[in-house]
Amino acid sequence: MTALLKSLPNAAEYLEAEREADFKSEYYQGHIYPLYGGDPVRGTSGATVDHNRIAGNLLREIGTQLKSRPCEAFGSDMKVRVDPDDCFFYPDISGLCGPMDFHDGKKDVYLNPAFIIEVLSDSTESFDRRKKFLSYRKIASLREYILVSQKSETVEIFRKEGELWNSEVVHEGALILDSVSCGIPFDEIYRNVSFDEGPRCQNGYHSTFTPRIALKPGSFWPDPWRR
């Protein structure tokens, strides 16, 4: 994120404008960041087909497993507000079990997700991994934050245990969402997704490499592929 497109005085004005807008934008630290359509901040021109496939696969599989329980999963049209920071984001997927705590009567923004999933892209990875994660961690209800690669079969799982966020990198098997008691096999996450290079190996690491690290409050998660 190298430039700011537009600044508004407060979150209420952002939300009023967002509800009338023709495209989606997120609100972070007093600034608006458009998500699609030639964004000069992130350099994006829209999500790739594999991004959409992965997000769609995840939402379908999670929704199927939750349908007989008082739990729900939502796609990228549902906004999440980080109350302490007064930020508004559109996670690729989010969900919870139990009643939703809405921002207001419009019911298009909620405050209490149990899990959030972001599908990584070149233009948003740094923001998703750092600033957005630091903000999301202030949501009291959040128990899991998931980063899903579209370049290889790689899923990074962050789980809150006490005051720490414990992390794991997984390349095979299934993504387990403890917060809503469901698991999504990698074959379903990456259904119809192809890779230019081997899907289970990146930068020399074998698929069974699963580093773990405990993050203290306010710390960043390092990129597991950088030494």
Foldseek 3Di string as FASTA:
>chain_A
DPDADDFDDALVVVVVVQVVDPFHWKFFQRGTFTDACQTPQLRHHDDDPLQVQLLVLVQVQVCVVCVVAQKHKDAQQAWEALVVRRIIHRFRMFMAHDDWAAPDPVRRYTYATQETEHEDDPRCNVVVQFVVVLSVVSRPNYAWYWYAYLQAQWIKIWGDDPQKTKIKIARFAWDADPRRGDTGGSCSSRPPRDHPDYRQDDLHDGRVDIDMDIDGRPDTDDDPNDD
